Amino acid sequence: ISEGEMASVLNHVTALLFHDCLLMVRSVISEILTAILASPITEMVITPCGELIAPLQEMVDSIPIPGLSMLIDLNTMMQEVVGSIEANAIDAMIAKSVAQIKQTFDMAQTELGISAVRIK
């Protein structure tokens, strides 16, 4: 392998490292905020909503169709909806900060002479 090929591979691998670093930073920030919000969301959203949908779930469970209560599990649906709303809200909250971090990473890549890698 020639030195030029080695430099090209190193450039590409380093660009992937920068890309992965940004993904990890976003992931860690999201996980921290999710952990911080877990208790309040459980107390103020999941538990009260669970109490509200319990009578509806009992009605669904009383319908004598095999598997219907597994198909229509209102508690699981509610938790998934709340989780999706929480994840999207956290993404929206951290988007600007992550964009600033990306700019910093891009500047570091430019200073090091590393080509940016675009992965979608």
PDB file of N, CA and C in Angstrom:
ATOM      1  N   ILE A   1       0.862  -1.179   0.000  1.00  0.00           N
ATOM      2  CA  ILE A   1       0.000   0.000   0.000  1.00  0.00           C
ATOM      3  C   ILE A   1       0.898   1.228   0.000  1.00  0.00           C
ATOM      4  N   SER A   2       0.563   2.139  -0.895  1.00  0.00           N
ATOM      5  CA  SER A   2       1.379   3.343  -0.999  1.00  0.00           C
ATOM      6  C   SER A   2       1.068   4.306   0.142  1.00  0.00           C
ATOM      7  N   GLU A   3       1.951   5.255   0.337  1.00  0.00           N
ATOM      8  CA  GLU A   3       1.774   6.240   1.412  1.00  0.00           C
ATOM      9  C   GLU A   3       0.550   7.114   1.146  1.00  0.00           C
ATOM     10  N   GLY A   4       0.277   7.398  -0.103  1.00  0.00           N
ATOM     11  CA  GLY A   4      -0.900   8.193  -0.463  1.00  0.00           C
ATOM     12  C   GLY A   4      -2.198   7.463  -0.138  1.00  0.00           C
ATOM     13  N   GLU A   5      -2.211   6.155  -0.400  1.00  0.00           N
ATOM     14  CA  GLU A   5      -3.395   5.364  -0.066  1.00  0.00           C
ATOM     15  C   GLU A   5      -3.595   5.292   1.445  1.00  0.00           C
ATOM     16  N   MET A   6      -2.478   5.139   2.189  1.00  0.00           N
ATOM     17  CA  MET A   6      -2.552   5.101   3.648  1.00  0.00           C
ATOM     18  C   MET A   6      -3.094   6.423   4.190  1.00  0.00           C
ATOM     19  N   ALA A   7      -2.640   7.518   3.619  1.00  0.00           N
ATOM     20  CA  ALA A   7      -3.107   8.839   4.054  1.00  0.00           C
ATOM     21  C   ALA A   7      -4.589   8.999   3.761  1.00  0.00           C
ATOM     22  N   SER A   8      -5.037   8.483   2.627  1.00  0.00           N
ATOM     23  CA  SER A   8      -6.453   8.559   2.255  1.00  0.00           C
ATOM     24  C   SER A   8      -7.319   7.747   3.223  1.00  0.00           C
ATOM     25  N   VAL A   9      -6.844   6.545   3.562  1.00  0.00           N
ATOM     26  CA  VAL A   9      -7.581   5.701   4.499  1.00  0.00           C
ATOM     27  C   VAL A   9      -7.616   6.358   5.877  1.00  0.00           C
ATOM     28  N   LEU A  10      -6.482   6.889   6.328  1.00  0.00           N
ATOM     29  CA  LEU A  10      -6.420   7.567   7.619  1.00  0.00           C
ATOM     30  C   LEU A  10      -7.358   8.773   7.641  1.00  0.00           C
ATOM     31  N   ASN A  11      -7.386   9.518   6.560  1.00  0.00           N
ATOM     32  CA  ASN A  11      -8.277  10.678   6.447  1.00  0.00           C
ATOM     33  C   ASN A  11      -9.733  10.243   6.579  1.00  0.00           C
ATOM     34  N   HIS A  12     -10.090   9.179   5.878  1.00  0.00           N
ATOM     35  CA  HIS A  12     -11.476   8.696   5.899  1.00  0.00           C
ATOM     36  C   HIS A  12     -11.851   8.166   7.290  1.00  0.00           C
ATOM     37  N   VAL A  13     -10.977   7.386   7.896  1.00  0.00           N
ATOM     38  CA  VAL A  13     -11.250   6.818   9.223  1.00  0.00           C
ATOM     39  C   VAL A  13     -11.362   7.938  10.268  1.00  0.00           C
ATOM     40  N   THR A  14     -10.504   8.921  10.185  1.00  0.00           N
ATOM     41  CA  THR A  14     -10.555  10.039  11.128  1.00  0.00           C
ATOM     42  C   THR A  14     -11.838  10.844  10.937  1.00  0.00           C
ATOM     43  N   ALA A  15     -12.260  11.021   9.698  1.00  0.00           N
ATOM     44  CA  ALA A  15     -13.523  11.725   9.438  1.00  0.00           C
ATOM     45  C   ALA A  15     -14.697  10.939  10.025  1.00  0.00           C
ATOM     46  N   LEU A  16     -14.658   9.620   9.898  1.00  0.00           N
ATOM     47  CA  LEU A  16     -15.703   8.787  10.507  1.00  0.00           C
ATOM     48  C   LEU A  16     -15.672   8.904  12.032  1.00  0.00           C
ATOM     49  N   LEU A  17     -14.483   9.009  12.606  1.00  0.00           N
ATOM     50  CA  LEU A  17     -14.349   9.176  14.051  1.00  0.00           C
ATOM     51  C   LEU A  17     -15.021  10.477  14.503  1.00  0.00           C
ATOM     52  N   PHE A  18     -14.775  11.561  13.783  1.00  0.00           N
ATOM     53  CA  PHE A  18     -15.434  12.830  14.116  1.00  0.00           C
ATOM     54  C   PHE A  18     -16.954  12.693  14.009  1.00  0.00           C
ATOM     55  N   HIS A  19     -17.402  12.030  12.968  1.00  0.00           N
ATOM     56  CA  HIS A  19     -18.840  11.826  12.777  1.00  0.00           C
ATOM     57  C   HIS A  19     -19.428  11.039  13.950  1.00  0.00           C
ATOM     58  N   ASP A  20     -18.758   9.949  14.326  1.00  0.00           N
ATOM     59  CA  ASP A  20     -19.234   9.116  15.427  1.00  0.00           C
ATOM     60  C   ASP A  20     -19.180   9.853  16.758  1.00  0.00           C
ATOM     61  N   CYS A  21     -18.173  10.703  16.935  1.00  0.00           N
ATOM     62  CA  CYS A  21     -18.083  11.506  18.167  1.00  0.00           C
ATOM     63  C   CYS A  21     -19.307  12.403  18.306  1.00  0.00           C
ATOM     64  N   LEU A  22     -19.719  13.018  17.233  1.00  0.00           N
ATOM     65  CA  LEU A  22     -20.904  13.881  17.271  1.00  0.00           C
ATOM     66  C   LEU A  22     -22.142  13.065  17.619  1.00  0.00           C
ATOM     67  N   LEU A  23     -22.281  11.879  17.031  1.00  0.00           N
ATOM     68  CA  LEU A  23     -23.419  11.021  17.350  1.00  0.00           C
ATOM     69  C   LEU A  23     -23.411  10.624  18.821  1.00  0.00           C
ATOM     70  N   MET A  24     -22.246  10.323  19.350  1.00  0.00           N
ATOM     71  CA  MET A  24     -22.143   9.919  20.756  1.00  0.00           C
ATOM     72  C   MET A  24     -22.460  11.079  21.694  1.00  0.00           C
ATOM     73  N   VAL A  25     -21.988  12.276  21.354  1.00  0.00           N
ATOM     74  CA  VAL A  25     -22.292  13.449  22.179  1.00  0.00           C
ATOM     75  C   VAL A  25     -23.800  13.659  22.225  1.00  0.00           C
ATOM     76  N   ARG A  26     -24.443  13.604  21.066  1.00  0.00           N
ATOM     77  CA  ARG A  26     -25.901  13.758  21.009  1.00  0.00           C
ATOM     78  C   ARG A  26     -26.591  12.669  21.827  1.00  0.00           C
ATOM     79  N   SER A  27     -26.121  11.452  21.695  1.00  0.00           N
ATOM     80  CA  SER A  27     -26.719  10.335  22.412  1.00  0.00           C
ATOM     81  C   SER A  27     -26.570  10.486  23.924  1.00  0.00           C
ATOM     82  N   VAL A  28     -25.387  10.871  24.375  1.00  0.00           N
ATOM     83  CA  VAL A  28     -25.149  11.025  25.814  1.00  0.00           C
ATOM     84  C   VAL A  28     -26.004  12.150  26.387  1.00  0.00           C
ATOM     85  N   ILE A  29     -26.076  13.264  25.689  1.00  0.00           N
ATOM     86  CA  ILE A  29     -26.909  14.378  26.165  1.00  0.00           C
ATOM     87  C   ILE A  29     -28.370  13.940  26.242  1.00  0.00           C
ATOM     88  N   SER A  30     -28.840  13.241  25.224  1.00  0.00           N
ATOM     89  CA  SER A  30     -30.226  12.748  25.222  1.00  0.00           C
ATOM     90  C   SER A  30     -30.478  11.784  26.376  1.00  0.00           C
ATOM     91  N   GLU A  31     -29.548  10.877  26.602  1.00  0.00           N
ATOM     92  CA  GLU A  31     -29.707   9.901  27.683  1.00  0.00           C
ATOM     93  C   GLU A  31     -29.719  10.582  29.048  1.00  0.00           C
ATOM     94  N   ILE A  32     -28.875  11.591  29.230  1.00  0.00           N
ATOM     95  CA  ILE A  32     -28.844  12.318  30.504  1.00  0.00           C
ATOM     96  C   ILE A  32     -30.172  13.035  30.735  1.00  0.00           C
ATOM     97  N   LEU A  33     -30.659  13.738  29.729  1.00  0.00           N
ATOM     98  CA  LEU A  33     -31.928  14.451  29.882  1.00  0.00           C
ATOM     99  C   LEU A  33     -33.093  13.473  30.082  1.00  0.00           C
ATOM    100  N   THR A  34     -33.058  12.352  29.391  1.00  0.00           N
ATOM    101  CA  THR A  34     -34.102  11.340  29.576  1.00  0.00           C
ATOM    102  C   THR A  34     -34.089  10.816  31.007  1.00  0.00           C
ATOM    103  N   ALA A  35     -32.903  10.577  31.554  1.00  0.00           N
ATOM    104  CA  ALA A  35     -32.794  10.095  32.935  1.00  0.00           C
ATOM    105  C   ALA A  35     -33.285  11.145  33.926  1.00  0.00           C
ATOM    106  N   ILE A  36     -32.962  12.406  33.664  1.00  0.00           N
ATOM    107  CA  ILE A  36     -33.407  13.483  34.549  1.00  0.00           C
ATOM    108  C   ILE A  36     -34.928  13.605  34.537  1.00  0.00           C
ATOM    109  N   LEU A  37     -35.519  13.434  33.359  1.00  0.00           N
ATOM    110  CA  LEU A  37     -36.969  13.609  33.210  1.00  0.00           C
ATOM    111  C   LEU A  37     -37.775  12.356  33.556  1.00  0.00           C
ATOM    112  N   ALA A  38     -37.129  11.228  33.736  1.00  0.00           N
ATOM    113  CA  ALA A  38     -37.851   9.964  33.939  1.00  0.00           C
ATOM    114  C   ALA A  38     -38.801  10.018  35.135  1.00  0.00           C
ATOM    115  N   SER A  39     -38.318  10.450  36.269  1.00  0.00           N
ATOM    116  CA  SER A  39     -39.149  10.474  37.472  1.00  0.00           C
ATOM    117  C   SER A  39     -40.316  11.457  37.354  1.00  0.00           C
ATOM    118  N   PRO A  40     -40.071  12.720  36.944  1.00  0.00           N
ATOM    119  CA  PRO A  40     -41.203  13.642  36.814  1.00  0.00           C
ATOM    120  C   PRO A  40     -42.238  13.193  35.773  1.00  0.00           C
ATOM    121  N   ILE A  41     -41.768  12.630  34.679  1.00  0.00           N
ATOM    122  CA  ILE A  41     -42.714  12.181  33.650  1.00  0.00           C
ATOM    123  C   ILE A  41     -43.530  11.005  34.168  1.00  0.00           C
ATOM    124  N   THR A  42     -42.890  10.101  34.897  1.00  0.00           N
ATOM    125  CA  THR A  42     -43.633   8.981  35.472  1.00  0.00           C
ATOM    126  C   THR A  42     -44.670   9.479  36.466  1.00  0.00           C
ATOM    127  N   GLU A  43     -44.256  10.375  37.346  1.00  0.00           N
ATOM    128  CA  GLU A  43     -45.157  10.882  38.380  1.00  0.00           C
ATOM    129  C   GLU A  43     -46.292  11.736  37.818  1.00  0.00           C
ATOM    130  N   MET A  44     -45.961  12.611  36.864  1.00  0.00           N
ATOM    131  CA  MET A  44     -46.943  13.602  36.418  1.00  0.00           C
ATOM    132  C   MET A  44     -47.687  13.236  35.142  1.00  0.00           C
ATOM    133  N   VAL A  45     -47.192  12.246  34.419  1.00  0.00           N
ATOM    134  CA  VAL A  45     -47.841  11.901  33.146  1.00  0.00           C
ATOM    135  C   VAL A  45     -48.248  10.428  33.102  1.00  0.00           C
ATOM    136  N   ILE A  46     -47.284   9.532  33.220  1.00  0.00           N
ATOM    137  CA  ILE A  46     -47.553   8.103  33.032  1.00  0.00           C
ATOM    138  C   ILE A  46     -48.564   7.584  34.059  1.00  0.00           C
ATOM    139  N   THR A  47     -48.311   7.868  35.345  1.00  0.00           N
ATOM    140  CA  THR A  47     -49.204   7.346  36.385  1.00  0.00           C
ATOM    141  C   THR A  47     -50.619   7.907  36.260  1.00  0.00           C
ATOM    142  N   PRO A  48     -50.801   9.242  36.136  1.00  0.00           N
ATOM    143  CA  PRO A  48     -52.175   9.746  35.989  1.00  0.00           C
ATOM    144  C   PRO A  48     -52.874   9.250  34.718  1.00  0.00           C
ATOM    145  N   CYS A  49     -52.139   9.190  33.623  1.00  0.00           N
ATOM    146  CA  CYS A  49     -52.742   8.701  32.380  1.00  0.00           C
ATOM    147  C   CYS A  49     -53.099   7.222  32.503  1.00  0.00           C
ATOM    148  N   GLY A  50     -52.246   6.461  33.179  1.00  0.00           N
ATOM    149  CA  GLY A  50     -52.534   5.043  33.401  1.00  0.00           C
ATOM    150  C   GLY A  50     -53.823   4.851  34.177  1.00  0.00           C
ATOM    151  N   GLU A  51     -54.039   5.710  35.169  1.00  0.00           N
ATOM    152  CA  GLU A  51     -55.274   5.635  35.945  1.00  0.00           C
ATOM    153  C   GLU A  51     -56.485   5.989  35.090  1.00  0.00           C
ATOM    154  N   LEU A  52     -56.316   6.927  34.172  1.00  0.00           N
ATOM    155  CA  LEU A  52     -57.430   7.327  33.305  1.00  0.00           C
ATOM    156  C   LEU A  52     -57.792   6.255  32.281  1.00  0.00           C
ATOM    157  N   ILE A  53     -56.791   5.555  31.765  1.00  0.00           N
ATOM    158  CA  ILE A  53     -57.091   4.567  30.719  1.00  0.00           C
ATOM    159  C   ILE A  53     -57.382   3.175  31.272  1.00  0.00           C
ATOM    160  N   ALA A  54     -57.153   2.972  32.568  1.00  0.00           N
ATOM    161  CA  ALA A  54     -57.405   1.644  33.162  1.00  0.00           C
ATOM    162  C   ALA A  54     -58.834   1.158  32.937  1.00  0.00           C
ATOM    163  N   PRO A  55     -59.875   2.012  33.158  1.00  0.00           N
ATOM    164  CA  PRO A  55     -61.240   1.523  32.899  1.00  0.00           C
ATOM    165  C   PRO A  55     -61.478   1.158  31.427  1.00  0.00           C
ATOM    166  N   LEU A  56     -60.861   1.911  30.527  1.00  0.00           N
ATOM    167  CA  LEU A  56     -60.998   1.594  29.099  1.00  0.00           C
ATOM    168  C   LEU A  56     -60.327   0.263  28.779  1.00  0.00           C
ATOM    169  N   GLN A  57     -59.162   0.029  29.371  1.00  0.00           N
ATOM    170  CA  GLN A  57     -58.467  -1.235  29.137  1.00  0.00           C
ATOM    171  C   GLN A  57     -59.273  -2.392  29.694  1.00  0.00           C
ATOM    172  N   GLU A  58     -59.933  -2.191  30.830  1.00  0.00           N
ATOM    173  CA  GLU A  58     -60.783  -3.238  31.393  1.00  0.00           C
ATOM    174  C   GLU A  58     -61.928  -3.575  30.445  1.00  0.00           C
ATOM    175  N   MET A  59     -62.477  -2.544  29.789  1.00  0.00           N
ATOM    176  CA  MET A  59     -63.547  -2.791  28.811  1.00  0.00           C
ATOM    177  C   MET A  59     -63.013  -3.585  27.627  1.00  0.00           C
ATOM    178  N   VAL A  60     -61.840  -3.224  27.151  1.00  0.00           N
ATOM    179  CA  VAL A  60     -61.225  -3.949  26.039  1.00  0.00           C
ATOM    180  C   VAL A  60     -60.962  -5.395  26.451  1.00  0.00           C
ATOM    181  N   ASP A  61     -60.431  -5.569  27.670  1.00  0.00           N
ATOM    182  CA  ASP A  61     -60.124  -6.917  28.168  1.00  0.00           C
ATOM    183  C   ASP A  61     -61.386  -7.783  28.308  1.00  0.00           C
ATOM    184  N   SER A  62     -62.524  -7.145  28.555  1.00  0.00           N
ATOM    185  CA  SER A  62     -63.762  -7.907  28.751  1.00  0.00           C
ATOM    186  C   SER A  62     -64.399  -8.367  27.441  1.00  0.00           C
ATOM    187  N   ILE A  63     -63.942  -7.869  26.320  1.00  0.00           N
ATOM    188  CA  ILE A  63     -64.472  -8.293  25.018  1.00  0.00           C
ATOM    189  C   ILE A  63     -63.923  -9.696  24.729  1.00  0.00           C
ATOM    190  N   PRO A  64     -64.799 -10.652  24.489  1.00  0.00           N
ATOM    191  CA  PRO A  64     -64.354 -12.047  24.348  1.00  0.00           C
ATOM    192  C   PRO A  64     -63.779 -12.388  22.966  1.00  0.00           C
ATOM    193  N   ILE A  65     -62.789 -11.637  22.561  1.00  0.00           N
ATOM    194  CA  ILE A  65     -62.098 -11.941  21.303  1.00  0.00           C
ATOM    195  C   ILE A  65     -60.659 -12.308  21.670  1.00  0.00           C
ATOM    196  N   PRO A  66     -60.230 -13.519  21.333  1.00  0.00           N
ATOM    197  CA  PRO A  66     -58.877 -13.951  21.698  1.00  0.00           C
ATOM    198  C   PRO A  66     -57.804 -13.015  21.128  1.00  0.00           C
ATOM    199  N   GLY A  67     -56.905 -12.595  21.988  1.00  0.00           N
ATOM    200  CA  GLY A  67     -55.782 -11.757  21.559  1.00  0.00           C
ATOM    201  C   GLY A  67     -56.081 -10.277  21.449  1.00  0.00           C
ATOM    202  N   LEU A  68     -57.350  -9.878  21.649  1.00  0.00           N
ATOM    203  CA  LEU A  68     -57.692  -8.463  21.494  1.00  0.00           C
ATOM    204  C   LEU A  68     -56.974  -7.595  22.525  1.00  0.00           C
ATOM    205  N   SER A  69     -56.900  -8.075  23.749  1.00  0.00           N
ATOM    206  CA  SER A  69     -56.245  -7.272  24.789  1.00  0.00           C
ATOM    207  C   SER A  69     -54.742  -7.137  24.530  1.00  0.00           C
ATOM    208  N   MET A  70     -54.156  -8.094  23.825  1.00  0.00           N
ATOM    209  CA  MET A  70     -52.742  -7.957  23.447  1.00  0.00           C
ATOM    210  C   MET A  70     -52.598  -6.988  22.290  1.00  0.00           C
ATOM    211  N   LEU A  71     -53.552  -7.008  21.388  1.00  0.00           N
ATOM    212  CA  LEU A  71     -53.524  -6.109  20.237  1.00  0.00           C
ATOM    213  C   LEU A  71     -53.787  -4.670  20.660  1.00  0.00           C
ATOM    214  N   ILE A  72     -54.753  -4.493  21.538  1.00  0.00           N
ATOM    215  CA  ILE A  72     -55.108  -3.156  22.015  1.00  0.00           C
ATOM    216  C   ILE A  72     -54.679  -3.056  23.478  1.00  0.00           C
ATOM    217  N   ASP A  73     -53.412  -2.749  23.675  1.00  0.00           N
ATOM    218  CA  ASP A  73     -52.858  -2.557  25.014  1.00  0.00           C
ATOM    219  C   ASP A  73     -52.679  -1.050  25.203  1.00  0.00           C
ATOM    220  N   LEU A  74     -53.688  -0.414  25.788  1.00  0.00           N
ATOM    221  CA  LEU A  74     -53.709   1.039  25.905  1.00  0.00           C
ATOM    222  C   LEU A  74     -52.561   1.577  26.751  1.00  0.00           C
ATOM    223  N   ASN A  75     -52.172   0.856  27.786  1.00  0.00           N
ATOM    224  CA  ASN A  75     -51.078   1.322  28.639  1.00  0.00           C
ATOM    225  C   ASN A  75     -49.764   1.372  27.855  1.00  0.00           C
ATOM    226  N   THR A  76     -49.494   0.329  27.099  1.00  0.00           N
ATOM    227  CA  THR A  76     -48.274   0.308  26.285  1.00  0.00           C
ATOM    228  C   THR A  76     -48.316   1.395  25.217  1.00  0.00           C
ATOM    229  N   MET A  77     -49.475   1.558  24.580  1.00  0.00           N
ATOM    230  CA  MET A  77     -49.611   2.612  23.569  1.00  0.00           C
ATOM    231  C   MET A  77     -49.343   3.984  24.169  1.00  0.00           C
ATOM    232  N   MET A  78     -49.916   4.243  25.347  1.00  0.00           N
ATOM    233  CA  MET A  78     -49.732   5.534  26.003  1.00  0.00           C
ATOM    234  C   MET A  78     -48.264   5.752  26.343  1.00  0.00           C
ATOM    235  N   GLN A  79     -47.606   4.737  26.867  1.00  0.00           N
ATOM    236  CA  GLN A  79     -46.195   4.875  27.216  1.00  0.00           C
ATOM    237  C   GLN A  79     -45.330   5.128  25.985  1.00  0.00           C
ATOM    238  N   GLU A  80     -45.667   4.478  24.871  1.00  0.00           N
ATOM    239  CA  GLU A  80     -44.917   4.694  23.635  1.00  0.00           C
ATOM    240  C   GLU A  80     -45.129   6.105  23.099  1.00  0.00           C
ATOM    241  N   VAL A  81     -46.355   6.607  23.179  1.00  0.00           N
ATOM    242  CA  VAL A  81     -46.643   7.972  22.717  1.00  0.00           C
ATOM    243  C   VAL A  81     -45.901   8.988  23.582  1.00  0.00           C
ATOM    244  N   VAL A  82     -45.964   8.824  24.895  1.00  0.00           N
ATOM    245  CA  VAL A  82     -45.266   9.733  25.808  1.00  0.00           C
ATOM    246  C   VAL A  82     -43.754   9.658  25.561  1.00  0.00           C
ATOM    247  N   GLY A  83     -43.226   8.468  25.376  1.00  0.00           N
ATOM    248  CA  GLY A  83     -41.803   8.310  25.095  1.00  0.00           C
ATOM    249  C   GLY A  83     -41.393   8.984  23.803  1.00  0.00           C
ATOM    250  N   SER A  84     -42.241   8.877  22.785  1.00  0.00           N
ATOM    251  CA  SER A  84     -41.957   9.526  21.506  1.00  0.00           C
ATOM    252  C   SER A  84     -41.984  11.050  21.640  1.00  0.00           C
ATOM    253  N   ILE A  85     -42.958  11.553  22.360  1.00  0.00           N
ATOM    254  CA  ILE A  85     -43.051  13.005  22.582  1.00  0.00           C
ATOM    255  C   ILE A  85     -41.823  13.482  23.353  1.00  0.00           C
ATOM    256  N   GLU A  86     -41.437  12.737  24.377  1.00  0.00           N
ATOM    257  CA  GLU A  86     -40.269  13.099  25.174  1.00  0.00           C
ATOM    258  C   GLU A  86     -39.004  13.108  24.313  1.00  0.00           C
ATOM    259  N   ALA A  87     -38.806  12.068  23.520  1.00  0.00           N
ATOM    260  CA  ALA A  87     -37.611  11.973  22.672  1.00  0.00           C
ATOM    261  C   ALA A  87     -37.561  13.115  21.658  1.00  0.00           C
ATOM    262  N   ASN A  88     -38.700  13.425  21.043  1.00  0.00           N
ATOM    263  CA  ASN A  88     -38.733  14.517  20.065  1.00  0.00           C
ATOM    264  C   ASN A  88     -38.499  15.868  20.733  1.00  0.00           C
ATOM    265  N   ALA A  89     -39.039  16.057  21.943  1.00  0.00           N
ATOM    266  CA  ALA A  89     -38.828  17.308  22.670  1.00  0.00           C
ATOM    267  C   ALA A  89     -37.355  17.467  23.044  1.00  0.00           C
ATOM    268  N   ILE A  90     -36.739  16.396  23.500  1.00  0.00           N
ATOM    269  CA  ILE A  90     -35.320  16.456  23.850  1.00  0.00           C
ATOM    270  C   ILE A  90     -34.481  16.749  22.613  1.00  0.00           C
ATOM    271  N   ASP A  91     -34.791  16.090  21.496  1.00  0.00           N
ATOM    272  CA  ASP A  91     -34.067  16.364  20.247  1.00  0.00           C
ATOM    273  C   ASP A  91     -34.180  17.830  19.857  1.00  0.00           C
ATOM    274  N   ALA A  92     -35.378  18.393  19.997  1.00  0.00           N
ATOM    275  CA  ALA A  92     -35.581  19.800  19.657  1.00  0.00           C
ATOM    276  C   ALA A  92     -34.797  20.708  20.608  1.00  0.00           C
ATOM    277  N   MET A  93     -34.756  20.337  21.889  1.00  0.00           N
ATOM    278  CA  MET A  93     -34.045  21.165  22.871  1.00  0.00           C
ATOM    279  C   MET A  93     -32.536  21.170  22.639  1.00  0.00           C
ATOM    280  N   ILE A  94     -31.982  20.048  22.230  1.00  0.00           N
ATOM    281  CA  ILE A  94     -30.525  19.967  22.108  1.00  0.00           C
ATOM    282  C   ILE A  94     -30.027  20.251  20.693  1.00  0.00           C
ATOM    283  N   ALA A  95     -30.928  20.440  19.749  1.00  0.00           N
ATOM    284  CA  ALA A  95     -30.524  20.595  18.346  1.00  0.00           C
ATOM    285  C   ALA A  95     -29.535  21.742  18.145  1.00  0.00           C
ATOM    286  N   LYS A  96     -29.803  22.881  18.755  1.00  0.00           N
ATOM    287  CA  LYS A  96     -28.929  24.036  18.555  1.00  0.00           C
ATOM    288  C   LYS A  96     -27.556  23.796  19.175  1.00  0.00           C
ATOM    289  N   SER A  97     -27.530  23.193  20.358  1.00  0.00           N
ATOM    290  CA  SER A  97     -26.248  22.900  21.005  1.00  0.00           C
ATOM    291  C   SER A  97     -25.443  21.893  20.193  1.00  0.00           C
ATOM    292  N   VAL A  98     -26.133  20.879  19.682  1.00  0.00           N
ATOM    293  CA  VAL A  98     -25.437  19.876  18.871  1.00  0.00           C
ATOM    294  C   VAL A  98     -24.918  20.515  17.583  1.00  0.00           C
ATOM    295  N   ALA A  99     -25.672  21.448  17.021  1.00  0.00           N
ATOM    296  CA  ALA A  99     -25.201  22.149  15.820  1.00  0.00           C
ATOM    297  C   ALA A  99     -23.932  22.948  16.124  1.00  0.00           C
ATOM    298  N   GLN A 100     -23.864  23.570  17.293  1.00  0.00           N
ATOM    299  CA  GLN A 100     -22.660  24.304  17.682  1.00  0.00           C
ATOM    300  C   GLN A 100     -21.480  23.354  17.882  1.00  0.00           C
ATOM    301  N   ILE A 101     -21.747  22.214  18.480  1.00  0.00           N
ATOM    302  CA  ILE A 101     -20.685  21.209  18.659  1.00  0.00           C
ATOM    303  C   ILE A 101     -20.207  20.722  17.299  1.00  0.00           C
ATOM    304  N   LYS A 102     -21.147  20.537  16.375  1.00  0.00           N
ATOM    305  CA  LYS A 102     -20.778  20.102  15.021  1.00  0.00           C
ATOM    306  C   LYS A 102     -19.873  21.131  14.352  1.00  0.00           C
ATOM    307  N   GLN A 103     -20.190  22.404  14.541  1.00  0.00           N
ATOM    308  CA  GLN A 103     -19.333  23.457  13.969  1.00  0.00           C
ATOM    309  C   GLN A 103     -17.919  23.365  14.531  1.00  0.00           C
ATOM    310  N   THR A 104     -17.823  23.115  15.829  1.00  0.00           N
ATOM    311  CA  THR A 104     -16.509  22.973  16.456  1.00  0.00           C
ATOM    312  C   THR A 104     -15.765  21.781  15.877  1.00  0.00           C
ATOM    313  N   PHE A 105     -16.458  20.668  15.728  1.00  0.00           N
ATOM    314  CA  PHE A 105     -15.841  19.482  15.126  1.00  0.00           C
ATOM    315  C   PHE A 105     -15.421  19.768  13.686  1.00  0.00           C
ATOM    316  N   ASP A 106     -16.281  20.465  12.930  1.00  0.00           N
ATOM    317  CA  ASP A 106     -15.954  20.795  11.537  1.00  0.00           C
ATOM    318  C   ASP A 106     -14.706  21.669  11.467  1.00  0.00           C
ATOM    319  N   MET A 107     -14.595  22.639  12.382  1.00  0.00           N
ATOM    320  CA  MET A 107     -13.410  23.506  12.401  1.00  0.00           C
ATOM    321  C   MET A 107     -12.159  22.692  12.739  1.00  0.00           C
ATOM    322  N   ALA A 108     -12.287  21.762  13.677  1.00  0.00           N
ATOM    323  CA  ALA A 108     -11.147  20.912  14.032  1.00  0.00           C
ATOM    324  C   ALA A 108     -10.741  20.048  12.840  1.00  0.00           C
ATOM    325  N   GLN A 109     -11.720  19.519  12.131  1.00  0.00           N
ATOM    326  CA  GLN A 109     -11.421  18.705  10.950  1.00  0.00           C
ATOM    327  C   GLN A 109     -10.705  19.541   9.899  1.00  0.00           C
ATOM    328  N   THR A 110     -11.165  20.771   9.699  1.00  0.00           N
ATOM    329  CA  THR A 110     -10.549  21.648   8.713  1.00  0.00           C
ATOM    330  C   THR A 110      -9.104  21.958   9.107  1.00  0.00           C
ATOM    331  N   GLU A 111      -8.885  22.248  10.391  1.00  0.00           N
ATOM    332  CA  GLU A 111      -7.530  22.533  10.862  1.00  0.00           C
ATOM    333  C   GLU A 111      -6.606  21.339  10.670  1.00  0.00           C
ATOM    334  N   LEU A 112      -7.152  20.140  10.829  1.00  0.00           N
ATOM    335  CA  LEU A 112      -6.348  18.926  10.655  1.00  0.00           C
ATOM    336  C   LEU A 112      -6.247  18.491   9.196  1.00  0.00           C
ATOM    337  N   GLY A 113      -6.998  19.165   8.319  1.00  0.00           N
ATOM    338  CA  GLY A 113      -6.976  18.821   6.908  1.00  0.00           C
ATOM    339  C   GLY A 113      -7.734  17.543   6.583  1.00  0.00           C
ATOM    340  N   ILE A 114      -8.785  17.279   7.343  1.00  0.00           N
ATOM    341  CA  ILE A 114      -9.562  16.060   7.154  1.00  0.00           C
ATOM    342  C   ILE A 114     -10.835  16.409   6.407  1.00  0.00           C
ATOM    343  N   SER A 115     -11.136  15.658   5.381  1.00  0.00           N
ATOM    344  CA  SER A 115     -12.358  15.874   4.610  1.00  0.00           C
ATOM    345  C   SER A 115     -13.560  15.406   5.412  1.00  0.00           C
ATOM    346  N   ALA A 116     -14.630  16.192   5.392  1.00  0.00           N
ATOM    347  CA  ALA A 116     -15.842  15.816   6.104  1.00  0.00           C
ATOM    348  C   ALA A 116     -16.514  14.642   5.407  1.00  0.00           C
ATOM    349  N   VAL A 117     -17.093  13.769   6.198  1.00  0.00           N
ATOM    350  CA  VAL A 117     -17.836  12.630   5.672  1.00  0.00           C
ATOM    351  C   VAL A 117     -19.315  12.896   5.921  1.00  0.00           C
ATOM    352  N   ARG A 118     -20.117  12.764   4.898  1.00  0.00           N
ATOM    353  CA  ARG A 118     -21.563  12.967   5.024  1.00  0.00           C
ATOM    354  C   ARG A 118     -22.243  11.609   5.022  1.00  0.00           C
ATOM    355  N   ILE A 119     -22.783  11.250   6.175  1.00  0.00           N
ATOM    356  CA  ILE A 119     -23.521   9.990   6.288  1.00  0.00           C
ATOM    357  C   ILE A 119     -24.926  10.341   6.693  1.00  0.00           C
ATOM    358  N   LYS A 120     -25.890   9.859   5.961  1.00  0.00           N
ATOM    359  CA  LYS A 120     -27.293  10.189   6.268  1.00  0.00           C
ATOM    360  C   LYS A 120     -27.987   8.976   6.806  1.00  0.00           C
TER     361      LYS A 120
END
